[in-house]
Amino acid sequence: MSSIHIFTGPPGSGKSSVLAELAPHFRTVAEPARTVLAHQRATGGRGTGDQDQALFVSLMLQQCLRDQQRLGDVPGPVLCDRGLPDLLAYAAYWSLPDGAIRDAIAAMPRPQTVFWFPPWQAIYAQDAERTLDFGGSAAFGALVREAYESLGFSLVEVPLAPVEGRAAFIRQHIGA
């Protein structure tokens, strides 16, 4: 049976870099927002944060549910770049209804660990899909943290360290 471990935090806090470092050793799940954005941009779709936020959140929810179904009962640890509760932050950010997200969260298997990657200005960089400045990223991160804590999740804070050190911390924490 799989044990799910979620990486969460504000955009640009190093989640994807650590996930890439750990990918040769674990089953991983990519960030739903980036998966959706890549598909929407490739197909000329409107489901992006700058065009149709409600569609974007709906597509991310669908992607999360597909990822969850695809994992099934994969043995061993699975590392996920964000989880369903992150979508509550997107809904709050854009003042969207969140009932479908909450229903999906209620039906999901409870992750074993939620790793919190705190805001870290020294590594923060904007890119084509990460358009918030550092302050905006940290504010969005506060919404993410609030979403997880409001659902009763305990967050394990990942130390500010080089990628290899953060990866070692996570490996030690999950016992792998």
Foldseek 3Di string as FASTA:
>chain_A
DEAEEEEDFFPQLCLVVLCVVCVVPAAEAEQLLVVVVVVCVVVVHQLHPVGDLVSVLVSSVVVQVVVQVVCPCPPYYYYYHDHLLLSQLSCVVVVHDCPVSVVVVVPGDDHPAYEYRYQDQVRGDADPRRPDDSVVRNVSRVSSVCSCVVVPHDYHYQDPDPSVNSSVVVCVVVVD
